[in-house]
Amino acid sequence: MADLVLTNRGLLYVLPCFGIELGFGEKTVGQVCAERSISAPLLSLVCNLYTFENYTPDQEELGQIPIEGIVAYLQASHRNYLQVRMPRIIDAVLGLPGGEMLASFCEKYRQEAVAHFKYEEEVVFPYIGKLLNGEKPAYKISEYESKHSDIDGALEDLKNIIVKYLPKACTIDKSHPVLLELFAFEYDLRKHALLEETILIPLVERLDSERQVASDGMELTAREQEVLAELARGFSNKEVADKLYISTHTVISHRKNIMRKTGFKTAQGLTFYALHNGLISQDDFR
């Protein structure tokens, strides 16, 4: 475990989000994880993501990663960013000579970060929790992907202002600690976003797809089963409508839902499905 930290000092920002403090002696990664009920594959993945610039896990590695573990890590990261890292950076920036000119800039950035993390905490993570519980929420992870915004652009601007435009009284010695913290935080946010975009989103998409496949064919309503049975017996849309005392338009709507849920698009396929699931019998064709 110590070798990981000595290889990449940036992991000092990662470990607290797993609830890991220093002082682990000669313990291995597996031992440290076992003591704290942490997924060793998840910790290894995050450490590799932060250590190697072009690291990409293979499918076997991804298959070992618990989605709930990623969410817990991201939530801990949010708390660390908002309660520890950002206040420390903002206080340091405002303490620079001429730093008061950055007060509104810092507050605007803080508000953007709060809104970004709030969306994840109140919308995205509860949606993932429902998926893991076997529910089928209306929200889709693709919505998160399209709305996922970068919040490190303001940090880039802040660095530029400090380097280019603060008064001469703001010497390199005075600004050096602040800039180091800004560079480290910017790097951390970039890796944080990478974890969400390249690991979390694909895993959730796969989970959502598996849930959909598992539920296909199990959600036909009683009316849809009736419509399917009559269609499988060879009746036309109008004949089914007349038999069930509904409109032809309603039959067509039910038919579309049945095809979507069962995955079958042809009359033969729907007939096979109806037979296989006991909605009709061979006697219906005699």
C-alpha atoms as a PDB file:
ATOM      1  CA  MET A   1       0.000   0.000   0.000  1.00  0.00           C
ATOM      2  CA  ALA A   2       2.837   2.374   0.855  1.00  0.00           C
ATOM      3  CA  ASP A   3       4.364   1.814  -2.575  1.00  0.00           C
ATOM      4  CA  LEU A   4       1.223   3.234  -4.210  1.00  0.00           C
ATOM      5  CA  VAL A   5       1.501   6.516  -2.300  1.00  0.00           C
ATOM      6  CA  LEU A   6       5.256   6.784  -2.811  1.00  0.00           C
ATOM      7  CA  THR A   7       4.713   6.287  -6.545  1.00  0.00           C
ATOM      8  CA  ASN A   8       2.111   9.030  -6.873  1.00  0.00           C
ATOM      9  CA  ARG A   9       1.691  11.712  -4.217  1.00  0.00           C
ATOM     10  CA  GLY A  10      -1.624  12.659  -5.826  1.00  0.00           C
ATOM     11  CA  LEU A  11      -3.118   9.584  -4.197  1.00  0.00           C
ATOM     12  CA  LEU A  12      -2.910  11.443  -0.886  1.00  0.00           C
ATOM     13  CA  TYR A  13      -6.064  13.201  -2.079  1.00  0.00           C
ATOM     14  CA  VAL A  14      -7.692   9.911  -3.102  1.00  0.00           C
ATOM     15  CA  LEU A  15      -7.209   7.777   0.006  1.00  0.00           C
ATOM     16  CA  PRO A  16      -9.312   9.938   2.396  1.00  0.00           C
ATOM     17  CA  CYS A  17     -12.280   9.502   0.047  1.00  0.00           C
ATOM     18  CA  PHE A  18     -11.991   5.760   0.722  1.00  0.00           C
ATOM     19  CA  GLY A  19     -11.650   6.385   4.466  1.00  0.00           C
ATOM     20  CA  ILE A  20      -7.979   5.342   4.375  1.00  0.00           C
ATOM     21  CA  GLU A  21      -5.430   7.216   6.491  1.00  0.00           C
ATOM     22  CA  LEU A  22      -1.650   6.837   6.565  1.00  0.00           C
ATOM     23  CA  GLY A  23       0.097   4.482   8.941  1.00  0.00           C
ATOM     24  CA  PHE A  24      -0.638   1.192   7.167  1.00  0.00           C
ATOM     25  CA  GLY A  25       2.925  -0.076   7.627  1.00  0.00           C
ATOM     26  CA  GLU A  26       3.769  -3.003   5.348  1.00  0.00           C
ATOM     27  CA  LYS A  27       0.174  -4.024   4.698  1.00  0.00           C
ATOM     28  CA  THR A  28      -0.818  -4.917   1.173  1.00  0.00           C
ATOM     29  CA  VAL A  29      -3.624  -3.218  -0.747  1.00  0.00           C
ATOM     30  CA  GLY A  30      -5.772  -6.285  -0.189  1.00  0.00           C
ATOM     31  CA  GLN A  31      -5.211  -6.245   3.566  1.00  0.00           C
ATOM     32  CA  VAL A  32      -5.997  -2.542   3.886  1.00  0.00           C
ATOM     33  CA  CYS A  33      -9.159  -2.968   1.809  1.00  0.00           C
ATOM     34  CA  ALA A  34     -10.269  -6.035   3.787  1.00  0.00           C
ATOM     35  CA  GLU A  35      -9.906  -4.166   7.094  1.00  0.00           C
ATOM     36  CA  ARG A  36     -12.086  -1.314   5.818  1.00  0.00           C
ATOM     37  CA  SER A  37     -14.575  -3.330   3.713  1.00  0.00           C
ATOM     38  CA  ILE A  38     -13.390  -1.610   0.536  1.00  0.00           C
ATOM     39  CA  SER A  39     -13.459  -3.211  -2.892  1.00  0.00           C
ATOM     40  CA  ALA A  40      -9.797  -3.904  -3.744  1.00  0.00           C
ATOM     41  CA  PRO A  41     -10.496  -3.900  -7.519  1.00  0.00           C
ATOM     42  CA  LEU A  42     -12.189  -0.486  -7.173  1.00  0.00           C
ATOM     43  CA  LEU A  43      -9.320   1.014  -5.177  1.00  0.00           C
ATOM     44  CA  SER A  44      -6.795  -0.381  -7.659  1.00  0.00           C
ATOM     45  CA  LEU A  45      -8.807   1.011 -10.572  1.00  0.00           C
ATOM     46  CA  VAL A  46      -8.982   4.518  -9.075  1.00  0.00           C
ATOM     47  CA  CYS A  47      -5.281   4.476  -8.186  1.00  0.00           C
ATOM     48  CA  ASN A  48      -4.369   3.360 -11.708  1.00  0.00           C
ATOM     49  CA  LEU A  49      -6.649   6.029 -13.186  1.00  0.00           C
ATOM     50  CA  TYR A  50      -4.857   8.707 -11.143  1.00  0.00           C
ATOM     51  CA  THR A  51      -1.360   7.321 -11.763  1.00  0.00           C
ATOM     52  CA  PHE A  52      -1.327   6.442 -15.475  1.00  0.00           C
ATOM     53  CA  GLU A  53      -2.393   9.060 -18.008  1.00  0.00           C
ATOM     54  CA  ASN A  54      -3.806   6.662 -20.608  1.00  0.00           C
ATOM     55  CA  TYR A  55      -5.050   3.933 -18.295  1.00  0.00           C
ATOM     56  CA  THR A  56      -8.097   2.063 -19.587  1.00  0.00           C
ATOM     57  CA  PRO A  57      -9.440  -0.988 -17.706  1.00  0.00           C
ATOM     58  CA  ASP A  58     -10.342  -4.063 -19.708  1.00  0.00           C
ATOM     59  CA  GLN A  59     -13.755  -5.744 -19.569  1.00  0.00           C
ATOM     60  CA  GLU A  60     -12.604  -8.282 -17.011  1.00  0.00           C
ATOM     61  CA  GLU A  61     -11.495  -5.512 -14.650  1.00  0.00           C
ATOM     62  CA  LEU A  62     -14.734  -3.599 -15.170  1.00  0.00           C
ATOM     63  CA  GLY A  63     -16.707  -6.716 -14.319  1.00  0.00           C
ATOM     64  CA  GLN A  64     -15.168  -6.696 -10.828  1.00  0.00           C
ATOM     65  CA  ILE A  65     -16.055  -3.088 -10.040  1.00  0.00           C
ATOM     66  CA  PRO A  66     -19.116  -2.529  -7.798  1.00  0.00           C
ATOM     67  CA  ILE A  67     -21.190   0.377  -9.048  1.00  0.00           C
ATOM     68  CA  GLU A  68     -22.326   1.204  -5.510  1.00  0.00           C
ATOM     69  CA  GLY A  69     -18.654   1.469  -4.525  1.00  0.00           C
ATOM     70  CA  ILE A  70     -17.989   4.024  -7.260  1.00  0.00           C
ATOM     71  CA  VAL A  71     -21.001   6.063  -6.149  1.00  0.00           C
ATOM     72  CA  ALA A  72     -19.855   5.994  -2.516  1.00  0.00           C
ATOM     73  CA  TYR A  73     -16.370   7.113  -3.555  1.00  0.00           C
ATOM     74  CA  LEU A  74     -17.755   9.960  -5.699  1.00  0.00           C
ATOM     75  CA  GLN A  75     -20.028  11.105  -2.875  1.00  0.00           C
ATOM     76  CA  ALA A  76     -17.074  11.156  -0.485  1.00  0.00           C
ATOM     77  CA  SER A  77     -15.127  13.122  -3.098  1.00  0.00           C
ATOM     78  CA  HIS A  78     -17.900  15.692  -3.320  1.00  0.00           C
ATOM     79  CA  ARG A  79     -17.829  16.213   0.443  1.00  0.00           C
ATOM     80  CA  ASN A  80     -14.058  16.522   0.401  1.00  0.00           C
ATOM     81  CA  TYR A  81     -14.113  19.034  -2.465  1.00  0.00           C
ATOM     82  CA  LEU A  82     -16.852  21.235  -1.000  1.00  0.00           C
ATOM     83  CA  GLN A  83     -15.936  21.057   2.676  1.00  0.00           C
ATOM     84  CA  VAL A  84     -12.139  20.857   2.583  1.00  0.00           C
ATOM     85  CA  ARG A  85     -10.404  21.484  -0.728  1.00  0.00           C
ATOM     86  CA  MET A  86     -12.397  24.394  -2.171  1.00  0.00           C
ATOM     87  CA  PRO A  87     -12.658  26.447   1.053  1.00  0.00           C
ATOM     88  CA  ARG A  88      -8.909  26.036   1.535  1.00  0.00           C
ATOM     89  CA  ILE A  89      -8.190  27.179  -2.023  1.00  0.00           C
ATOM     90  CA  ILE A  90     -10.584  30.124  -1.865  1.00  0.00           C
ATOM     91  CA  ASP A  91      -9.175  31.325   1.475  1.00  0.00           C
ATOM     92  CA  ALA A  92      -5.643  31.050   0.085  1.00  0.00           C
ATOM     93  CA  VAL A  93      -6.555  32.950  -3.081  1.00  0.00           C
ATOM     94  CA  LEU A  94      -8.296  35.728  -1.173  1.00  0.00           C
ATOM     95  CA  GLY A  95      -5.263  35.983   1.116  1.00  0.00           C
ATOM     96  CA  LEU A  96      -2.978  36.910  -1.778  1.00  0.00           C
ATOM     97  CA  PRO A  97      -2.024  40.569  -2.323  1.00  0.00           C
ATOM     98  CA  GLY A  98      -4.784  41.856  -4.588  1.00  0.00           C
ATOM     99  CA  GLY A  99      -6.772  38.692  -3.977  1.00  0.00           C
ATOM    100  CA  GLU A 100      -9.886  40.657  -3.048  1.00  0.00           C
ATOM    101  CA  MET A 101     -10.413  41.358  -6.750  1.00  0.00           C
ATOM    102  CA  LEU A 102     -11.049  37.606  -7.141  1.00  0.00           C
ATOM    103  CA  ALA A 103     -13.751  37.382  -4.458  1.00  0.00           C
ATOM    104  CA  SER A 104     -16.722  37.368  -6.858  1.00  0.00           C
ATOM    105  CA  PHE A 105     -14.863  35.057  -9.241  1.00  0.00           C
ATOM    106  CA  CYS A 106     -14.243  32.529  -6.460  1.00  0.00           C
ATOM    107  CA  GLU A 107     -17.850  32.669  -5.277  1.00  0.00           C
ATOM    108  CA  LYS A 108     -19.176  32.129  -8.790  1.00  0.00           C
ATOM    109  CA  TYR A 109     -16.943  29.100  -9.179  1.00  0.00           C
ATOM    110  CA  ARG A 110     -18.068  27.719  -5.831  1.00  0.00           C
ATOM    111  CA  GLN A 111     -21.726  28.053  -6.860  1.00  0.00           C
ATOM    112  CA  GLU A 112     -21.073  26.255 -10.167  1.00  0.00           C
ATOM    113  CA  ALA A 113     -19.386  23.388  -8.334  1.00  0.00           C
ATOM    114  CA  VAL A 114     -22.223  23.141  -5.812  1.00  0.00           C
ATOM    115  CA  ALA A 115     -24.817  22.999  -8.611  1.00  0.00           C
ATOM    116  CA  HIS A 116     -22.787  20.374 -10.502  1.00  0.00           C
ATOM    117  CA  PHE A 117     -22.455  18.088  -7.499  1.00  0.00           C
ATOM    118  CA  LYS A 118     -26.045  18.711  -6.358  1.00  0.00           C
ATOM    119  CA  TYR A 119     -27.388  17.406  -9.672  1.00  0.00           C
ATOM    120  CA  GLU A 120     -25.376  14.218  -9.254  1.00  0.00           C
ATOM    121  CA  GLU A 121     -26.388  13.775  -5.611  1.00  0.00           C
ATOM    122  CA  GLU A 122     -30.102  14.458  -6.089  1.00  0.00           C
ATOM    123  CA  VAL A 123     -30.740  13.030  -9.570  1.00  0.00           C
ATOM    124  CA  VAL A 124     -28.014  10.733 -10.877  1.00  0.00           C
ATOM    125  CA  PHE A 125     -27.046   8.762  -7.782  1.00  0.00           C
ATOM    126  CA  PRO A 126     -30.651   8.080  -6.636  1.00  0.00           C
ATOM    127  CA  TYR A 127     -31.399   6.856 -10.172  1.00  0.00           C
ATOM    128  CA  ILE A 128     -28.449   4.451  -9.988  1.00  0.00           C
ATOM    129  CA  GLY A 129     -29.647   3.280  -6.569  1.00  0.00           C
ATOM    130  CA  LYS A 130     -33.075   2.467  -7.984  1.00  0.00           C
ATOM    131  CA  LEU A 131     -31.497   0.522 -10.840  1.00  0.00           C
ATOM    132  CA  LEU A 132     -29.428  -1.490  -8.379  1.00  0.00           C
ATOM    133  CA  ASN A 133     -32.616  -2.249  -6.430  1.00  0.00           C
ATOM    134  CA  GLY A 134     -34.240  -3.689  -9.539  1.00  0.00           C
ATOM    135  CA  GLU A 135     -36.486  -0.701 -10.246  1.00  0.00           C
ATOM    136  CA  LYS A 136     -36.966   0.897 -13.658  1.00  0.00           C
ATOM    137  CA  PRO A 137     -36.804   4.683 -13.220  1.00  0.00           C
ATOM    138  CA  ALA A 138     -37.756   6.905 -16.135  1.00  0.00           C
ATOM    139  CA  TYR A 139     -34.440   8.756 -15.998  1.00  0.00           C
ATOM    140  CA  LYS A 140     -31.640   7.519 -18.297  1.00  0.00           C
ATOM    141  CA  ILE A 141     -27.894   7.786 -17.761  1.00  0.00           C
ATOM    142  CA  SER A 142     -27.636   9.273 -21.265  1.00  0.00           C
ATOM    143  CA  GLU A 143     -29.301  12.419 -19.867  1.00  0.00           C
ATOM    144  CA  TYR A 144     -26.487  12.705 -17.327  1.00  0.00           C
ATOM    145  CA  GLU A 145     -23.898  12.171 -20.056  1.00  0.00           C
ATOM    146  CA  SER A 146     -25.355  15.002 -22.129  1.00  0.00           C
ATOM    147  CA  LYS A 147     -25.526  17.368 -19.141  1.00  0.00           C
ATOM    148  CA  HIS A 148     -22.208  16.388 -17.616  1.00  0.00           C
ATOM    149  CA  SER A 149     -20.254  19.641 -17.552  1.00  0.00           C
ATOM    150  CA  ASP A 150     -16.664  20.445 -16.780  1.00  0.00           C
ATOM    151  CA  ILE A 151     -16.071  22.599 -13.728  1.00  0.00           C
ATOM    152  CA  ASP A 152     -12.337  22.969 -14.089  1.00  0.00           C
ATOM    153  CA  GLY A 153     -12.475  25.714 -16.735  1.00  0.00           C
ATOM    154  CA  ALA A 154     -12.811  28.347 -14.019  1.00  0.00           C
ATOM    155  CA  LEU A 155      -9.715  26.965 -12.324  1.00  0.00           C
ATOM    156  CA  GLU A 156      -7.757  27.490 -15.542  1.00  0.00           C
ATOM    157  CA  ASP A 157      -8.919  31.117 -15.623  1.00  0.00           C
ATOM    158  CA  LEU A 158      -8.033  31.577 -11.979  1.00  0.00           C
ATOM    159  CA  LYS A 159      -4.499  30.318 -12.566  1.00  0.00           C
ATOM    160  CA  ASN A 160      -4.122  32.693 -15.512  1.00  0.00           C
ATOM    161  CA  ILE A 161      -5.260  35.675 -13.461  1.00  0.00           C
ATOM    162  CA  ILE A 162      -2.834  34.881 -10.637  1.00  0.00           C
ATOM    163  CA  VAL A 163       0.092  34.367 -13.005  1.00  0.00           C
ATOM    164  CA  LYS A 164      -0.630  37.299 -15.353  1.00  0.00           C
ATOM    165  CA  TYR A 165      -2.569  40.035 -13.611  1.00  0.00           C
ATOM    166  CA  LEU A 166      -2.130  40.170  -9.841  1.00  0.00           C
ATOM    167  CA  PRO A 167      -0.102  43.121  -8.467  1.00  0.00           C
ATOM    168  CA  LYS A 168       3.688  42.821  -8.373  1.00  0.00           C
ATOM    169  CA  ALA A 169       3.419  42.539  -4.607  1.00  0.00           C
ATOM    170  CA  CYS A 170       2.098  39.039  -5.244  1.00  0.00           C
ATOM    171  CA  THR A 171       5.499  37.408  -5.602  1.00  0.00           C
ATOM    172  CA  ILE A 172       6.125  33.889  -6.838  1.00  0.00           C
ATOM    173  CA  ASP A 173       6.898  32.831  -3.269  1.00  0.00           C
ATOM    174  CA  LYS A 174       3.494  34.063  -2.123  1.00  0.00           C
ATOM    175  CA  SER A 175       1.499  32.637  -5.030  1.00  0.00           C
ATOM    176  CA  HIS A 176       3.438  29.373  -5.330  1.00  0.00           C
ATOM    177  CA  PRO A 177       1.480  27.402  -2.649  1.00  0.00           C
ATOM    178  CA  VAL A 178      -1.847  28.592  -4.072  1.00  0.00           C
ATOM    179  CA  LEU A 179      -0.895  27.652  -7.631  1.00  0.00           C
ATOM    180  CA  LEU A 180       0.302  24.211  -6.548  1.00  0.00           C
ATOM    181  CA  GLU A 181      -3.035  23.609  -4.848  1.00  0.00           C
ATOM    182  CA  LEU A 182      -4.917  24.838  -7.913  1.00  0.00           C
ATOM    183  CA  PHE A 183      -2.927  22.573 -10.235  1.00  0.00           C
ATOM    184  CA  ALA A 184      -3.513  19.595  -7.926  1.00  0.00           C
ATOM    185  CA  PHE A 185      -7.252  20.302  -7.640  1.00  0.00           C
ATOM    186  CA  GLU A 186      -7.599  20.756 -11.399  1.00  0.00           C
ATOM    187  CA  TYR A 187      -5.878  17.406 -11.968  1.00  0.00           C
ATOM    188  CA  ASP A 188      -8.105  15.770  -9.366  1.00  0.00           C
ATOM    189  CA  LEU A 189     -11.287  17.106 -10.966  1.00  0.00           C
ATOM    190  CA  ARG A 190     -10.165  15.889 -14.380  1.00  0.00           C
ATOM    191  CA  LYS A 191      -9.612  12.367 -13.040  1.00  0.00           C
ATOM    192  CA  HIS A 192     -12.907  12.577 -11.145  1.00  0.00           C
ATOM    193  CA  ALA A 193     -14.727  13.381 -14.403  1.00  0.00           C
ATOM    194  CA  LEU A 194     -12.830  10.607 -16.196  1.00  0.00           C
ATOM    195  CA  LEU A 195     -14.000   8.082 -13.603  1.00  0.00           C
ATOM    196  CA  GLU A 196     -17.597   9.165 -14.192  1.00  0.00           C
ATOM    197  CA  GLU A 197     -17.414   9.275 -17.984  1.00  0.00           C
ATOM    198  CA  THR A 198     -15.309   6.211 -18.784  1.00  0.00           C
ATOM    199  CA  ILE A 199     -16.180   3.900 -15.880  1.00  0.00           C
ATOM    200  CA  LEU A 200     -19.443   4.810 -14.149  1.00  0.00           C
ATOM    201  CA  ILE A 201     -21.551   5.719 -17.174  1.00  0.00           C
ATOM    202  CA  PRO A 202     -20.654   2.577 -19.210  1.00  0.00           C
ATOM    203  CA  LEU A 203     -21.279   0.345 -16.167  1.00  0.00           C
ATOM    204  CA  VAL A 204     -24.674   1.947 -15.529  1.00  0.00           C
ATOM    205  CA  GLU A 205     -25.596   1.723 -19.212  1.00  0.00           C
ATOM    206  CA  ARG A 206     -24.792  -1.984 -19.120  1.00  0.00           C
ATOM    207  CA  LEU A 207     -26.779  -2.444 -15.917  1.00  0.00           C
ATOM    208  CA  ASP A 208     -29.757  -0.597 -17.387  1.00  0.00           C
ATOM    209  CA  SER A 209     -29.571  -2.739 -20.516  1.00  0.00           C
ATOM    210  CA  GLU A 210     -29.405  -5.941 -18.460  1.00  0.00           C
ATOM    211  CA  ARG A 211     -32.408  -4.851 -16.397  1.00  0.00           C
ATOM    212  CA  GLN A 212     -34.335  -4.103 -19.588  1.00  0.00           C
ATOM    213  CA  VAL A 213     -33.499  -7.464 -21.128  1.00  0.00           C
ATOM    214  CA  ALA A 214     -34.386  -9.272 -17.905  1.00  0.00           C
ATOM    215  CA  SER A 215     -37.751  -7.549 -17.738  1.00  0.00           C
ATOM    216  CA  ASP A 216     -38.677  -7.877 -21.395  1.00  0.00           C
ATOM    217  CA  GLY A 217     -41.773 -10.018 -21.804  1.00  0.00           C
ATOM    218  CA  MET A 218     -42.646  -9.897 -18.116  1.00  0.00           C
ATOM    219  CA  GLU A 219     -44.519  -6.629 -18.143  1.00  0.00           C
ATOM    220  CA  LEU A 220     -47.374  -7.214 -20.532  1.00  0.00           C
ATOM    221  CA  THR A 221     -50.529  -5.873 -18.975  1.00  0.00           C
ATOM    222  CA  ALA A 222     -53.642  -8.039 -18.829  1.00  0.00           C
ATOM    223  CA  ARG A 223     -55.104  -6.121 -21.771  1.00  0.00           C
ATOM    224  CA  GLU A 224     -51.885  -6.472 -23.780  1.00  0.00           C
ATOM    225  CA  GLN A 225     -51.950 -10.230 -23.172  1.00  0.00           C
ATOM    226  CA  GLU A 226     -55.530 -10.357 -24.446  1.00  0.00           C
ATOM    227  CA  VAL A 227     -54.627  -8.356 -27.555  1.00  0.00           C
ATOM    228  CA  LEU A 228     -51.558 -10.493 -28.219  1.00  0.00           C
ATOM    229  CA  ALA A 229     -53.548 -13.723 -27.861  1.00  0.00           C
ATOM    230  CA  GLU A 230     -56.116 -12.579 -30.415  1.00  0.00           C
ATOM    231  CA  LEU A 231     -53.465 -11.337 -32.829  1.00  0.00           C
ATOM    232  CA  ALA A 232     -51.605 -14.637 -32.479  1.00  0.00           C
ATOM    233  CA  ARG A 233     -54.820 -16.481 -33.365  1.00  0.00           C
ATOM    234  CA  GLY A 234     -54.732 -14.664 -36.693  1.00  0.00           C
ATOM    235  CA  PHE A 235     -57.319 -11.933 -36.170  1.00  0.00           C
ATOM    236  CA  SER A 236     -56.789  -8.515 -37.765  1.00  0.00           C
ATOM    237  CA  ASN A 237     -56.473  -5.296 -35.789  1.00  0.00           C
ATOM    238  CA  LYS A 238     -60.128  -4.428 -36.529  1.00  0.00           C
ATOM    239  CA  GLU A 239     -61.362  -7.908 -35.593  1.00  0.00           C
ATOM    240  CA  VAL A 240     -59.458  -7.726 -32.302  1.00  0.00           C
ATOM    241  CA  ALA A 241     -60.914  -4.292 -31.652  1.00  0.00           C
ATOM    242  CA  ASP A 242     -64.437  -5.590 -32.227  1.00  0.00           C
ATOM    243  CA  LYS A 243     -63.912  -8.655 -30.028  1.00  0.00           C
ATOM    244  CA  LEU A 244     -62.487  -6.646 -27.107  1.00  0.00           C
ATOM    245  CA  TYR A 245     -64.787  -3.626 -27.549  1.00  0.00           C
ATOM    246  CA  ILE A 246     -61.928  -1.183 -28.045  1.00  0.00           C
ATOM    247  CA  SER A 247     -60.900   1.035 -30.956  1.00  0.00           C
ATOM    248  CA  THR A 248     -58.594  -0.051 -33.741  1.00  0.00           C
ATOM    249  CA  HIS A 249     -56.252   2.769 -32.754  1.00  0.00           C
ATOM    250  CA  THR A 250     -56.020   1.282 -29.243  1.00  0.00           C
ATOM    251  CA  VAL A 251     -55.221  -2.148 -30.667  1.00  0.00           C
ATOM    252  CA  ILE A 252     -52.426  -0.658 -32.772  1.00  0.00           C
ATOM    253  CA  SER A 253     -51.056   1.168 -29.717  1.00  0.00           C
ATOM    254  CA  HIS A 254     -51.132  -2.056 -27.685  1.00  0.00           C
ATOM    255  CA  ARG A 255     -49.443  -3.884 -30.548  1.00  0.00           C
ATOM    256  CA  LYS A 256     -46.561  -1.389 -30.565  1.00  0.00           C
ATOM    257  CA  ASN A 257     -46.097  -1.782 -26.808  1.00  0.00           C
ATOM    258  CA  ILE A 258     -46.193  -5.575 -27.129  1.00  0.00           C
ATOM    259  CA  MET A 259     -43.502  -5.540 -29.828  1.00  0.00           C
ATOM    260  CA  ARG A 260     -41.348  -3.209 -27.739  1.00  0.00           C
ATOM    261  CA  LYS A 261     -41.671  -5.341 -24.615  1.00  0.00           C
ATOM    262  CA  THR A 262     -41.278  -8.751 -26.231  1.00  0.00           C
ATOM    263  CA  GLY A 263     -38.670  -7.789 -28.791  1.00  0.00           C
ATOM    264  CA  PHE A 264     -40.634  -9.544 -31.565  1.00  0.00           C
ATOM    265  CA  LYS A 265     -41.600  -7.491 -34.629  1.00  0.00           C
ATOM    266  CA  THR A 266     -43.312 -10.041 -36.911  1.00  0.00           C
ATOM    267  CA  ALA A 267     -46.628 -11.889 -36.655  1.00  0.00           C
ATOM    268  CA  GLN A 268     -44.730 -15.191 -36.548  1.00  0.00           C
ATOM    269  CA  GLY A 269     -42.540 -13.973 -33.727  1.00  0.00           C
ATOM    270  CA  LEU A 270     -45.487 -12.730 -31.693  1.00  0.00           C
ATOM    271  CA  THR A 271     -47.283 -16.042 -32.245  1.00  0.00           C
ATOM    272  CA  PHE A 272     -44.246 -17.951 -31.028  1.00  0.00           C
ATOM    273  CA  TYR A 273     -44.072 -15.721 -27.949  1.00  0.00           C
ATOM    274  CA  ALA A 274     -47.775 -16.208 -27.197  1.00  0.00           C
ATOM    275  CA  LEU A 275     -47.419 -19.992 -27.501  1.00  0.00           C
ATOM    276  CA  HIS A 276     -44.247 -20.099 -25.446  1.00  0.00           C
ATOM    277  CA  ASN A 277     -45.825 -18.082 -22.631  1.00  0.00           C
ATOM    278  CA  GLY A 278     -49.121 -19.974 -22.565  1.00  0.00           C
ATOM    279  CA  LEU A 279     -51.291 -17.149 -23.892  1.00  0.00           C
ATOM    280  CA  ILE A 280     -52.584 -19.492 -26.615  1.00  0.00           C
ATOM    281  CA  SER A 281     -52.341 -23.229 -27.275  1.00  0.00           C
ATOM    282  CA  GLN A 282     -51.946 -25.438 -30.323  1.00  0.00           C
ATOM    283  CA  ASP A 283     -55.720 -26.026 -30.202  1.00  0.00           C
ATOM    284  CA  ASP A 284     -56.201 -22.409 -31.279  1.00  0.00           C
ATOM    285  CA  PHE A 285     -54.893 -23.399 -34.715  1.00  0.00           C
ATOM    286  CA  ARG A 286     -57.091 -26.477 -35.210  1.00  0.00           C
END
